Amino acid sequence: MLSIFLGMALGAAAAISAVSEIEAAGPDGPLKGTMILPAANAPVVLIIPGSGPTDRDGNSPLGVNAGSYRLLAEELASNGVGSVRIDKRGMFGSDGAVTDANAVTIDDYVRDVDAWTKAVRATTGRDCIWLLGHSEGGLVALAASAKVENICGLILVATAGRPLGEVLKEQLRANPANKPVLEAAEQAIDELSAGRRVDVTDMPPELGALFNPSAQGYLISVLAFDPANLADASNHPMLILQGDRDLQVPTTDADRLKAAAPDAKLVHLPDTNHVLKRVTSDDRSENLATYGAEDLPLADGVTDAIVRFVKSR
């Protein structure tokens, strides 16, 4: 299924301009991000990062250096759409917002989205702000849609359409190297999904890191949500953007979100992976290699789909 606004002209590309640091109120200190505003009246997209220690540019010390959010922000600006990309509370530029970045829940991130929406509106004068959530950030955007005011709409990029426990199990099963620890991992996911913490003392080291006790409160909060139910309850305009070569979130998740929110616009992007880079083969190692390639541009169609959706509203 490909749902885009064929025939709508994007207009002349605008020069990237007015790049600045921006802050929002955090619990113990400021949340920080980068704003690009190509014109005073430009619509503004708040880019909510995915899981783990992902920074405002879309990079992570866990081996991701794709720069996807930075590249997206620059391409959006070239097409007259502003953006704010952010560091999570307790991490990177926002490290002073809380003392423990692991002591967090989805509701905490929703409160941060509310703070960012207010700060961006105050800075730009915009009546409303678009929420763009990538991967797990899409779950945050969906949860925020019911609680945060002055949202223009939602842009869900590579966002799971099932409870994340199911997605995590699928990801673990996809890697043959996980077979020796798979049963223990799935048992742990089931316990956390039921709201119960797990003892990692006798777990293999790799599982002890995955189910770090300090982050189990957050995992319990994440696993409690069904994104499709949140999509069904949302009354905001919604774009679902899914790469067809995504190794982490399959295309069926996007279809499930669309089924839950029939009025949403669904765009499937061929040869596009989870970090929004172009991949033309089924080779897993080739796909994963793009996660560390900041020099690679975004795949064709990613920015166009977002710009067309935002400008159509």
C-alpha atoms as a PDB file:
ATOM      1  CA  MET A   1       0.000   0.000   0.000  1.00  0.00           C
ATOM      2  CA  LEU A   2       1.390   3.379  -1.001  1.00  0.00           C
ATOM      3  CA  SER A   3      -0.500   6.444   0.091  1.00  0.00           C
ATOM      4  CA  ILE A   4       1.189   9.710  -0.872  1.00  0.00           C
ATOM      5  CA  PHE A   5      -0.019  13.013  -2.186  1.00  0.00           C
ATOM      6  CA  LEU A   6       0.848  12.663  -5.856  1.00  0.00           C
ATOM      7  CA  GLY A   7       0.502  15.867  -7.748  1.00  0.00           C
ATOM      8  CA  MET A   8       1.159  18.247  -4.875  1.00  0.00           C
ATOM      9  CA  ALA A   9       4.119  20.469  -5.687  1.00  0.00           C
ATOM     10  CA  LEU A  10       6.591  20.915  -2.862  1.00  0.00           C
ATOM     11  CA  GLY A  11       7.671  24.278  -4.184  1.00  0.00           C
ATOM     12  CA  ALA A  12      11.155  25.645  -4.424  1.00  0.00           C
ATOM     13  CA  ALA A  13      13.643  24.266  -1.931  1.00  0.00           C
ATOM     14  CA  ALA A  14      14.466  26.644   0.873  1.00  0.00           C
ATOM     15  CA  ALA A  15      17.986  27.202   2.130  1.00  0.00           C
ATOM     16  CA  ILE A  16      18.817  25.737   5.539  1.00  0.00           C
ATOM     17  CA  SER A  17      18.928  28.614   7.979  1.00  0.00           C
ATOM     18  CA  ALA A  18      18.522  29.632  11.618  1.00  0.00           C
ATOM     19  CA  VAL A  19      20.140  26.621  13.280  1.00  0.00           C
ATOM     20  CA  SER A  20      20.110  27.151  17.034  1.00  0.00           C
ATOM     21  CA  GLU A  21      20.168  25.395  20.364  1.00  0.00           C
ATOM     22  CA  ILE A  22      16.860  25.248  22.211  1.00  0.00           C
ATOM     23  CA  GLU A  23      15.875  24.209  25.736  1.00  0.00           C
ATOM     24  CA  ALA A  24      12.755  22.939  27.470  1.00  0.00           C
ATOM     25  CA  ALA A  25      12.030  22.520  31.154  1.00  0.00           C
ATOM     26  CA  GLY A  26      13.147  19.181  32.596  1.00  0.00           C
ATOM     27  CA  PRO A  27      12.580  17.778  36.082  1.00  0.00           C
ATOM     28  CA  ASP A  28      15.950  18.807  37.590  1.00  0.00           C
ATOM     29  CA  GLY A  29      17.541  20.751  34.744  1.00  0.00           C
ATOM     30  CA  PRO A  30      17.004  21.693  31.114  1.00  0.00           C
ATOM     31  CA  LEU A  31      16.225  19.367  28.249  1.00  0.00           C
ATOM     32  CA  LYS A  32      18.281  20.351  25.221  1.00  0.00           C
ATOM     33  CA  GLY A  33      17.978  20.061  21.469  1.00  0.00           C
ATOM     34  CA  THR A  34      18.742  21.632  18.111  1.00  0.00           C
ATOM     35  CA  MET A  35      16.222  23.676  16.137  1.00  0.00           C
ATOM     36  CA  ILE A  36      16.342  24.435  12.429  1.00  0.00           C
ATOM     37  CA  LEU A  37      13.828  27.051  11.333  1.00  0.00           C
ATOM     38  CA  PRO A  38      14.023  27.797   7.596  1.00  0.00           C
ATOM     39  CA  ALA A  39      11.380  30.533   7.739  1.00  0.00           C
ATOM     40  CA  ALA A  40       9.504  32.402  10.437  1.00  0.00           C
ATOM     41  CA  ASN A  41       6.208  30.775   9.487  1.00  0.00           C
ATOM     42  CA  ALA A  42       7.540  27.259   8.800  1.00  0.00           C
ATOM     43  CA  PRO A  43       5.728  24.280  10.320  1.00  0.00           C
ATOM     44  CA  VAL A  44       7.834  22.582  13.000  1.00  0.00           C
ATOM     45  CA  VAL A  45       8.369  18.857  13.564  1.00  0.00           C
ATOM     46  CA  LEU A  46       9.571  17.568  16.947  1.00  0.00           C
ATOM     47  CA  ILE A  47      11.772  14.503  16.293  1.00  0.00           C
ATOM     48  CA  ILE A  48      11.424  12.007  19.169  1.00  0.00           C
ATOM     49  CA  PRO A  49      14.328   9.524  19.265  1.00  0.00           C
ATOM     50  CA  GLY A  50      14.138   5.748  19.403  1.00  0.00           C
ATOM     51  CA  SER A  51      15.118   3.357  22.169  1.00  0.00           C
ATOM     52  CA  GLY A  52      18.249   3.290  24.277  1.00  0.00           C
ATOM     53  CA  PRO A  53      21.002   5.909  24.322  1.00  0.00           C
ATOM     54  CA  THR A  54      20.026   7.508  21.014  1.00  0.00           C
ATOM     55  CA  ASP A  55      21.055  11.141  20.683  1.00  0.00           C
ATOM     56  CA  ARG A  56      19.445  14.042  18.860  1.00  0.00           C
ATOM     57  CA  ASP A  57      21.262  13.170  15.624  1.00  0.00           C
ATOM     58  CA  GLY A  58      20.062   9.550  15.651  1.00  0.00           C
ATOM     59  CA  ASN A  59      23.390   8.106  16.800  1.00  0.00           C
ATOM     60  CA  SER A  60      24.202   5.820  19.717  1.00  0.00           C
ATOM     61  CA  PRO A  61      27.356   4.631  21.483  1.00  0.00           C
ATOM     62  CA  LEU A  62      25.982   1.106  20.937  1.00  0.00           C
ATOM     63  CA  GLY A  63      27.223   1.165  17.360  1.00  0.00           C
ATOM     64  CA  VAL A  64      24.800   3.411  15.501  1.00  0.00           C
ATOM     65  CA  ASN A  65      26.335   6.320  13.588  1.00  0.00           C
ATOM     66  CA  ALA A  66      23.800   6.769  10.793  1.00  0.00           C
ATOM     67  CA  GLY A  67      23.011  10.407  11.631  1.00  0.00           C
ATOM     68  CA  SER A  68      19.449   9.842  10.438  1.00  0.00           C
ATOM     69  CA  TYR A  69      17.769  12.563  12.495  1.00  0.00           C
ATOM     70  CA  ARG A  70      20.336  15.194  11.580  1.00  0.00           C
ATOM     71  CA  LEU A  71      20.051  14.326   7.895  1.00  0.00           C
ATOM     72  CA  LEU A  72      16.253  14.372   8.109  1.00  0.00           C
ATOM     73  CA  ALA A  73      16.245  17.749   9.851  1.00  0.00           C
ATOM     74  CA  GLU A  74      18.490  19.235   7.172  1.00  0.00           C
ATOM     75  CA  GLU A  75      16.398  17.813   4.334  1.00  0.00           C
ATOM     76  CA  LEU A  76      13.169  19.027   5.942  1.00  0.00           C
ATOM     77  CA  ALA A  77      14.644  22.526   6.235  1.00  0.00           C
ATOM     78  CA  SER A  78      15.599  22.471   2.552  1.00  0.00           C
ATOM     79  CA  ASN A  79      11.917  21.894   1.842  1.00  0.00           C
ATOM     80  CA  GLY A  80      10.605  24.627   4.117  1.00  0.00           C
ATOM     81  CA  VAL A  81       9.798  22.518   7.189  1.00  0.00           C
ATOM     82  CA  GLY A  82      11.383  23.297  10.534  1.00  0.00           C
ATOM     83  CA  SER A  83      12.418  20.771  13.160  1.00  0.00           C
ATOM     84  CA  VAL A  84      13.574  20.317  16.709  1.00  0.00           C
ATOM     85  CA  ARG A  85      15.627  17.202  17.427  1.00  0.00           C
ATOM     86  CA  ILE A  86      16.213  16.399  21.055  1.00  0.00           C
ATOM     87  CA  ASP A  87      18.366  14.577  23.589  1.00  0.00           C
ATOM     88  CA  LYS A  88      16.443  12.417  26.062  1.00  0.00           C
ATOM     89  CA  ARG A  89      16.319  13.301  29.728  1.00  0.00           C
ATOM     90  CA  GLY A  90      19.508  12.223  31.488  1.00  0.00           C
ATOM     91  CA  MET A  91      21.485  11.723  28.263  1.00  0.00           C
ATOM     92  CA  PHE A  92      23.944  13.746  26.183  1.00  0.00           C
ATOM     93  CA  GLY A  93      23.005  17.449  26.218  1.00  0.00           C
ATOM     94  CA  SER A  94      20.056  16.728  28.517  1.00  0.00           C
ATOM     95  CA  ASP A  95      22.208  14.918  31.088  1.00  0.00           C
ATOM     96  CA  GLY A  96      21.362  17.466  33.758  1.00  0.00           C
ATOM     97  CA  ALA A  97      17.594  16.978  33.434  1.00  0.00           C
ATOM     98  CA  VAL A  98      17.619  13.925  35.750  1.00  0.00           C
ATOM     99  CA  THR A  99      20.287  12.119  37.729  1.00  0.00           C
ATOM    100  CA  ASP A 100      19.438   8.634  36.413  1.00  0.00           C
ATOM    101  CA  ALA A 101      18.498   8.257  32.747  1.00  0.00           C
ATOM    102  CA  ASN A 102      17.314   4.693  33.389  1.00  0.00           C
ATOM    103  CA  ALA A 103      14.785   5.721  36.026  1.00  0.00           C
ATOM    104  CA  VAL A 104      12.195   6.689  33.445  1.00  0.00           C
ATOM    105  CA  THR A 105       8.814   5.597  32.070  1.00  0.00           C
ATOM    106  CA  ILE A 106       6.875   6.291  28.888  1.00  0.00           C
ATOM    107  CA  ASP A 107       4.760   8.736  30.910  1.00  0.00           C
ATOM    108  CA  ASP A 108       7.947  10.631  31.825  1.00  0.00           C
ATOM    109  CA  TYR A 109       8.827  10.938  28.146  1.00  0.00           C
ATOM    110  CA  VAL A 110       5.285  12.136  27.452  1.00  0.00           C
ATOM    111  CA  ARG A 111       5.786  14.875  30.038  1.00  0.00           C
ATOM    112  CA  ASP A 112       8.991  15.831  28.234  1.00  0.00           C
ATOM    113  CA  VAL A 113       7.108  15.998  24.918  1.00  0.00           C
ATOM    114  CA  ASP A 114       4.633  18.331  26.594  1.00  0.00           C
ATOM    115  CA  ALA A 115       7.502  20.524  27.819  1.00  0.00           C
ATOM    116  CA  TRP A 116       9.059  20.546  24.343  1.00  0.00           C
ATOM    117  CA  THR A 117       5.775  21.413  22.662  1.00  0.00           C
ATOM    118  CA  LYS A 118       5.308  24.382  24.968  1.00  0.00           C
ATOM    119  CA  ALA A 119       8.911  25.552  24.525  1.00  0.00           C
ATOM    120  CA  VAL A 120       8.845  25.271  20.732  1.00  0.00           C
ATOM    121  CA  ARG A 121       5.512  27.087  20.475  1.00  0.00           C
ATOM    122  CA  ALA A 122       6.785  29.857  22.734  1.00  0.00           C
ATOM    123  CA  THR A 123       9.957  30.204  20.647  1.00  0.00           C
ATOM    124  CA  THR A 124       8.407  30.006  17.187  1.00  0.00           C
ATOM    125  CA  GLY A 125       4.865  31.291  17.699  1.00  0.00           C
ATOM    126  CA  ARG A 126       3.450  28.187  16.016  1.00  0.00           C
ATOM    127  CA  ASP A 127      -0.120  27.264  16.947  1.00  0.00           C
ATOM    128  CA  CYS A 128       0.741  23.569  16.990  1.00  0.00           C
ATOM    129  CA  ILE A 129       3.724  21.224  16.650  1.00  0.00           C
ATOM    130  CA  TRP A 130       4.055  17.994  14.649  1.00  0.00           C
ATOM    131  CA  LEU A 131       5.302  14.945  16.558  1.00  0.00           C
ATOM    132  CA  LEU A 132       7.607  12.608  14.627  1.00  0.00           C
ATOM    133  CA  GLY A 133       8.520   9.469  16.534  1.00  0.00           C
ATOM    134  CA  HIS A 134      11.101   7.032  15.186  1.00  0.00           C
ATOM    135  CA  SER A 135      10.951   3.403  16.318  1.00  0.00           C
ATOM    136  CA  GLU A 136      10.196   3.467  20.062  1.00  0.00           C
ATOM    137  CA  GLY A 137       9.803   7.233  19.732  1.00  0.00           C
ATOM    138  CA  GLY A 138       6.651   6.470  17.766  1.00  0.00           C
ATOM    139  CA  LEU A 139       5.188   4.836  20.876  1.00  0.00           C
ATOM    140  CA  VAL A 140       6.014   7.978  22.849  1.00  0.00           C
ATOM    141  CA  ALA A 141       4.317  10.111  20.181  1.00  0.00           C
ATOM    142  CA  LEU A 142       1.213   7.913  20.282  1.00  0.00           C
ATOM    143  CA  ALA A 143       1.063   8.049  24.076  1.00  0.00           C
ATOM    144  CA  ALA A 144       1.563  11.836  23.974  1.00  0.00           C
ATOM    145  CA  SER A 145      -1.264  12.340  21.487  1.00  0.00           C
ATOM    146  CA  ALA A 146      -3.830  11.683  24.221  1.00  0.00           C
ATOM    147  CA  LYS A 147      -2.238  13.947  26.832  1.00  0.00           C
ATOM    148  CA  VAL A 148      -0.388  16.804  25.113  1.00  0.00           C
ATOM    149  CA  GLU A 149      -2.203  19.845  23.722  1.00  0.00           C
ATOM    150  CA  ASN A 150      -1.490  21.738  20.523  1.00  0.00           C
ATOM    151  CA  ILE A 151      -0.316  18.796  18.439  1.00  0.00           C
ATOM    152  CA  CYS A 152      -0.747  19.238  14.665  1.00  0.00           C
ATOM    153  CA  GLY A 153      -0.503  15.520  13.990  1.00  0.00           C
ATOM    154  CA  LEU A 154       1.634  12.398  14.288  1.00  0.00           C
ATOM    155  CA  ILE A 155       4.337  11.008  12.011  1.00  0.00           C
ATOM    156  CA  LEU A 156       5.163   7.422  12.981  1.00  0.00           C
ATOM    157  CA  VAL A 157       8.418   6.226  11.410  1.00  0.00           C
ATOM    158  CA  ALA A 158       9.445   2.556  11.718  1.00  0.00           C
ATOM    159  CA  THR A 159       7.046   2.242  14.637  1.00  0.00           C
ATOM    160  CA  ALA A 160       5.904  -1.084  16.053  1.00  0.00           C
ATOM    161  CA  GLY A 161       2.215  -1.880  15.722  1.00  0.00           C
ATOM    162  CA  ARG A 162       2.253  -4.596  18.391  1.00  0.00           C
ATOM    163  CA  PRO A 163       3.188  -4.725  22.073  1.00  0.00           C
ATOM    164  CA  LEU A 164       6.948  -4.340  22.140  1.00  0.00           C
ATOM    165  CA  GLY A 165       7.407  -7.648  23.917  1.00  0.00           C
ATOM    166  CA  GLU A 166       6.277  -9.392  20.742  1.00  0.00           C
ATOM    167  CA  VAL A 167       8.623  -7.270  18.641  1.00  0.00           C
ATOM    168  CA  LEU A 168      11.576  -7.935  20.948  1.00  0.00           C
ATOM    169  CA  LYS A 169      10.985 -11.692  20.811  1.00  0.00           C
ATOM    170  CA  GLU A 170      10.848 -11.556  17.029  1.00  0.00           C
ATOM    171  CA  GLN A 171      14.096  -9.606  16.855  1.00  0.00           C
ATOM    172  CA  LEU A 172      15.843 -12.098  19.134  1.00  0.00           C
ATOM    173  CA  ARG A 173      14.574 -15.077  17.112  1.00  0.00           C
ATOM    174  CA  ALA A 174      15.815 -13.491  13.883  1.00  0.00           C
ATOM    175  CA  ASN A 175      19.448 -13.847  14.965  1.00  0.00           C
ATOM    176  CA  PRO A 176      20.583 -17.513  15.036  1.00  0.00           C
ATOM    177  CA  ALA A 177      23.330 -16.599  17.512  1.00  0.00           C
ATOM    178  CA  ASN A 178      20.650 -16.012  20.160  1.00  0.00           C
ATOM    179  CA  LYS A 179      19.385 -19.607  20.116  1.00  0.00           C
ATOM    180  CA  PRO A 180      21.221 -20.719  23.315  1.00  0.00           C
ATOM    181  CA  VAL A 181      19.662 -17.892  25.356  1.00  0.00           C
ATOM    182  CA  LEU A 182      16.341 -17.521  23.565  1.00  0.00           C
ATOM    183  CA  GLU A 183      14.196 -19.457  26.045  1.00  0.00           C
ATOM    184  CA  ALA A 184      15.517 -17.510  29.019  1.00  0.00           C
ATOM    185  CA  ALA A 185      15.093 -14.222  27.162  1.00  0.00           C
ATOM    186  CA  GLU A 186      11.480 -14.957  26.241  1.00  0.00           C
ATOM    187  CA  GLN A 187      10.672 -15.941  29.832  1.00  0.00           C
ATOM    188  CA  ALA A 188      12.121 -12.643  31.028  1.00  0.00           C
ATOM    189  CA  ILE A 189      10.065 -10.696  28.480  1.00  0.00           C
ATOM    190  CA  ASP A 190       6.909 -12.489  29.611  1.00  0.00           C
ATOM    191  CA  GLU A 191       7.605 -11.624  33.248  1.00  0.00           C
ATOM    192  CA  LEU A 192       8.305  -7.975  32.482  1.00  0.00           C
ATOM    193  CA  SER A 193       5.203  -7.780  30.273  1.00  0.00           C
ATOM    194  CA  ALA A 194       3.189  -8.972  33.278  1.00  0.00           C
ATOM    195  CA  GLY A 195       4.657  -6.142  35.365  1.00  0.00           C
ATOM    196  CA  ARG A 196       7.102  -8.290  37.330  1.00  0.00           C
ATOM    197  CA  ARG A 197      10.828  -7.678  37.626  1.00  0.00           C
ATOM    198  CA  VAL A 198      13.280 -10.484  36.825  1.00  0.00           C
ATOM    199  CA  ASP A 199      16.421 -11.682  38.581  1.00  0.00           C
ATOM    200  CA  VAL A 200      19.421 -11.514  36.245  1.00  0.00           C
ATOM    201  CA  THR A 201      21.877 -13.146  38.646  1.00  0.00           C
ATOM    202  CA  ASP A 202      22.057 -16.470  36.828  1.00  0.00           C
ATOM    203  CA  MET A 203      21.384 -15.137  33.337  1.00  0.00           C
ATOM    204  CA  PRO A 204      24.045 -15.184  30.597  1.00  0.00           C
ATOM    205  CA  PRO A 205      25.940 -11.867  30.570  1.00  0.00           C
ATOM    206  CA  GLU A 206      24.308 -10.668  27.345  1.00  0.00           C
ATOM    207  CA  LEU A 207      20.856 -11.099  28.854  1.00  0.00           C
ATOM    208  CA  GLY A 208      21.927  -9.438  32.067  1.00  0.00           C
ATOM    209  CA  ALA A 209      22.757  -6.358  30.013  1.00  0.00           C
ATOM    210  CA  LEU A 210      19.500  -6.529  28.022  1.00  0.00           C
ATOM    211  CA  PHE A 211      17.420  -6.845  31.189  1.00  0.00           C
ATOM    212  CA  ASN A 212      19.546  -4.536  33.315  1.00  0.00           C
ATOM    213  CA  PRO A 213      17.767  -4.223  36.695  1.00  0.00           C
ATOM    214  CA  SER A 214      18.185  -0.449  36.633  1.00  0.00           C
ATOM    215  CA  ALA A 215      16.172  -0.271  33.379  1.00  0.00           C
ATOM    216  CA  GLN A 216      13.510  -2.844  34.207  1.00  0.00           C
ATOM    217  CA  GLY A 217      11.057  -0.206  35.408  1.00  0.00           C
ATOM    218  CA  TYR A 218      11.246   1.395  31.988  1.00  0.00           C
ATOM    219  CA  LEU A 219      10.886  -1.950  30.215  1.00  0.00           C
ATOM    220  CA  ILE A 220       7.781  -2.741  32.264  1.00  0.00           C
ATOM    221  CA  SER A 221       6.288   0.618  31.297  1.00  0.00           C
ATOM    222  CA  VAL A 222       7.071   0.137  27.582  1.00  0.00           C
ATOM    223  CA  LEU A 223       5.804  -3.426  27.394  1.00  0.00           C
ATOM    224  CA  ALA A 224       2.449  -2.440  28.914  1.00  0.00           C
ATOM    225  CA  PHE A 225       1.367  -0.514  25.794  1.00  0.00           C
ATOM    226  CA  ASP A 226      -0.235  -1.766  22.600  1.00  0.00           C
ATOM    227  CA  PRO A 227       0.593   0.848  19.933  1.00  0.00           C
ATOM    228  CA  ALA A 228      -2.392  -0.169  17.795  1.00  0.00           C
ATOM    229  CA  ASN A 229      -4.758   0.613  20.657  1.00  0.00           C
ATOM    230  CA  LEU A 230      -3.166   4.047  21.026  1.00  0.00           C
ATOM    231  CA  ALA A 231      -3.457   4.641  17.276  1.00  0.00           C
ATOM    232  CA  ASP A 232      -7.111   3.675  17.397  1.00  0.00           C
ATOM    233  CA  ALA A 233      -7.745   6.183  20.184  1.00  0.00           C
ATOM    234  CA  SER A 234      -5.891   9.081  18.543  1.00  0.00           C
ATOM    235  CA  ASN A 235      -7.910  11.751  16.755  1.00  0.00           C
ATOM    236  CA  HIS A 236      -4.912  13.499  15.177  1.00  0.00           C
ATOM    237  CA  PRO A 237      -3.862  13.395  11.522  1.00  0.00           C
ATOM    238  CA  MET A 238      -1.390  10.534  11.201  1.00  0.00           C
ATOM    239  CA  LEU A 239       1.303   9.482   8.749  1.00  0.00           C
ATOM    240  CA  ILE A 240       2.734   5.962   9.045  1.00  0.00           C
ATOM    241  CA  LEU A 241       6.092   5.668   7.286  1.00  0.00           C
ATOM    242  CA  GLN A 242       7.623   2.210   6.905  1.00  0.00           C
ATOM    243  CA  GLY A 243      10.750   0.978   5.157  1.00  0.00           C
ATOM    244  CA  ASP A 244      10.260  -2.349   3.427  1.00  0.00           C
ATOM    245  CA  ARG A 245      13.782  -3.546   4.347  1.00  0.00           C
ATOM    246  CA  ASP A 246      13.500  -2.778   8.060  1.00  0.00           C
ATOM    247  CA  LEU A 247      15.142  -5.602  10.040  1.00  0.00           C
ATOM    248  CA  GLN A 248      13.711  -4.439  13.370  1.00  0.00           C
ATOM    249  CA  VAL A 249      10.106  -3.521  12.613  1.00  0.00           C
ATOM    250  CA  PRO A 250       8.442  -5.507   9.809  1.00  0.00           C
ATOM    251  CA  THR A 251       5.971  -4.008   7.372  1.00  0.00           C
ATOM    252  CA  THR A 252       3.117  -5.896   9.011  1.00  0.00           C
ATOM    253  CA  ASP A 253       3.450  -3.567  12.005  1.00  0.00           C
ATOM    254  CA  ALA A 254       2.730  -0.548   9.825  1.00  0.00           C
ATOM    255  CA  ASP A 255      -0.244  -2.383   8.360  1.00  0.00           C
ATOM    256  CA  ARG A 256      -1.539  -3.082  11.876  1.00  0.00           C
ATOM    257  CA  LEU A 257      -1.295   0.591  12.791  1.00  0.00           C
ATOM    258  CA  LYS A 258      -3.143   1.497   9.594  1.00  0.00           C
ATOM    259  CA  ALA A 259      -5.886  -1.025  10.379  1.00  0.00           C
ATOM    260  CA  ALA A 260      -6.279   0.536  13.820  1.00  0.00           C
ATOM    261  CA  ALA A 261      -6.363   4.078  12.375  1.00  0.00           C
ATOM    262  CA  PRO A 262      -8.059   3.779   8.957  1.00  0.00           C
ATOM    263  CA  ASP A 263      -7.835   7.520   8.264  1.00  0.00           C
ATOM    264  CA  ALA A 264      -4.046   7.494   8.617  1.00  0.00           C
ATOM    265  CA  LYS A 265      -1.830   7.873   5.550  1.00  0.00           C
ATOM    266  CA  LEU A 266       0.419   4.849   5.070  1.00  0.00           C
ATOM    267  CA  VAL A 267       3.597   5.034   2.993  1.00  0.00           C
ATOM    268  CA  HIS A 268       5.695   1.924   2.347  1.00  0.00           C
ATOM    269  CA  LEU A 269       9.213   2.801   1.173  1.00  0.00           C
ATOM    270  CA  PRO A 270      11.010   0.149  -0.910  1.00  0.00           C
ATOM    271  CA  ASP A 271      14.723  -0.461  -0.278  1.00  0.00           C
ATOM    272  CA  THR A 272      14.595   1.503   2.991  1.00  0.00           C
ATOM    273  CA  ASN A 273      15.778   0.106   6.325  1.00  0.00           C
ATOM    274  CA  HIS A 274      15.263   0.938   9.998  1.00  0.00           C
ATOM    275  CA  VAL A 275      17.728   3.845  10.038  1.00  0.00           C
ATOM    276  CA  LEU A 276      16.141   5.187   6.834  1.00  0.00           C
ATOM    277  CA  LYS A 277      19.063   4.317   4.584  1.00  0.00           C
ATOM    278  CA  ARG A 278      18.873   2.655   1.152  1.00  0.00           C
ATOM    279  CA  VAL A 279      19.478  -1.110   1.054  1.00  0.00           C
ATOM    280  CA  THR A 280      18.931  -3.105  -2.126  1.00  0.00           C
ATOM    281  CA  SER A 281      19.570  -6.700  -1.052  1.00  0.00           C
ATOM    282  CA  ASP A 282      18.356  -9.202   1.535  1.00  0.00           C
ATOM    283  CA  ASP A 283      21.840  -9.509   3.003  1.00  0.00           C
ATOM    284  CA  ARG A 284      21.597  -8.817   6.753  1.00  0.00           C
ATOM    285  CA  SER A 285      25.212  -7.698   7.123  1.00  0.00           C
ATOM    286  CA  GLU A 286      24.837  -5.202   4.278  1.00  0.00           C
ATOM    287  CA  ASN A 287      21.733  -3.790   5.921  1.00  0.00           C
ATOM    288  CA  LEU A 288      23.398  -3.458   9.320  1.00  0.00           C
ATOM    289  CA  ALA A 289      26.480  -1.832   7.786  1.00  0.00           C
ATOM    290  CA  THR A 290      24.413   1.255   7.011  1.00  0.00           C
ATOM    291  CA  TYR A 291      23.827   1.788  10.746  1.00  0.00           C
ATOM    292  CA  GLY A 292      27.392   3.077  10.982  1.00  0.00           C
ATOM    293  CA  ALA A 293      27.424   5.112   7.781  1.00  0.00           C
ATOM    294  CA  GLU A 294      26.626   8.746   8.507  1.00  0.00           C
ATOM    295  CA  ASP A 295      27.990   9.663   5.081  1.00  0.00           C
ATOM    296  CA  LEU A 296      25.139   7.796   3.347  1.00  0.00           C
ATOM    297  CA  PRO A 297      22.120   9.990   2.517  1.00  0.00           C
ATOM    298  CA  LEU A 298      18.614   9.104   3.555  1.00  0.00           C
ATOM    299  CA  ALA A 299      16.733   6.761   1.257  1.00  0.00           C
ATOM    300  CA  ASP A 300      14.657   8.318  -1.501  1.00  0.00           C
ATOM    301  CA  GLY A 301      11.133   9.195  -0.495  1.00  0.00           C
ATOM    302  CA  VAL A 302      11.587   9.555   3.264  1.00  0.00           C
ATOM    303  CA  THR A 303      11.658  13.336   3.406  1.00  0.00           C
ATOM    304  CA  ASP A 304       9.237  13.818   0.520  1.00  0.00           C
ATOM    305  CA  ALA A 305       6.543  11.763   2.241  1.00  0.00           C
ATOM    306  CA  ILE A 306       6.865  13.803   5.444  1.00  0.00           C
ATOM    307  CA  VAL A 307       6.952  17.173   3.682  1.00  0.00           C
ATOM    308  CA  ARG A 308       3.925  16.366   1.542  1.00  0.00           C
ATOM    309  CA  PHE A 309       1.946  15.231   4.573  1.00  0.00           C
ATOM    310  CA  VAL A 310       2.817  18.242   6.723  1.00  0.00           C
ATOM    311  CA  LYS A 311       2.232  20.776   3.949  1.00  0.00           C
ATOM    312  CA  SER A 312      -1.076  19.160   2.991  1.00  0.00           C
ATOM    313  CA  ARG A 313      -2.393  20.076   6.419  1.00  0.00           C
END
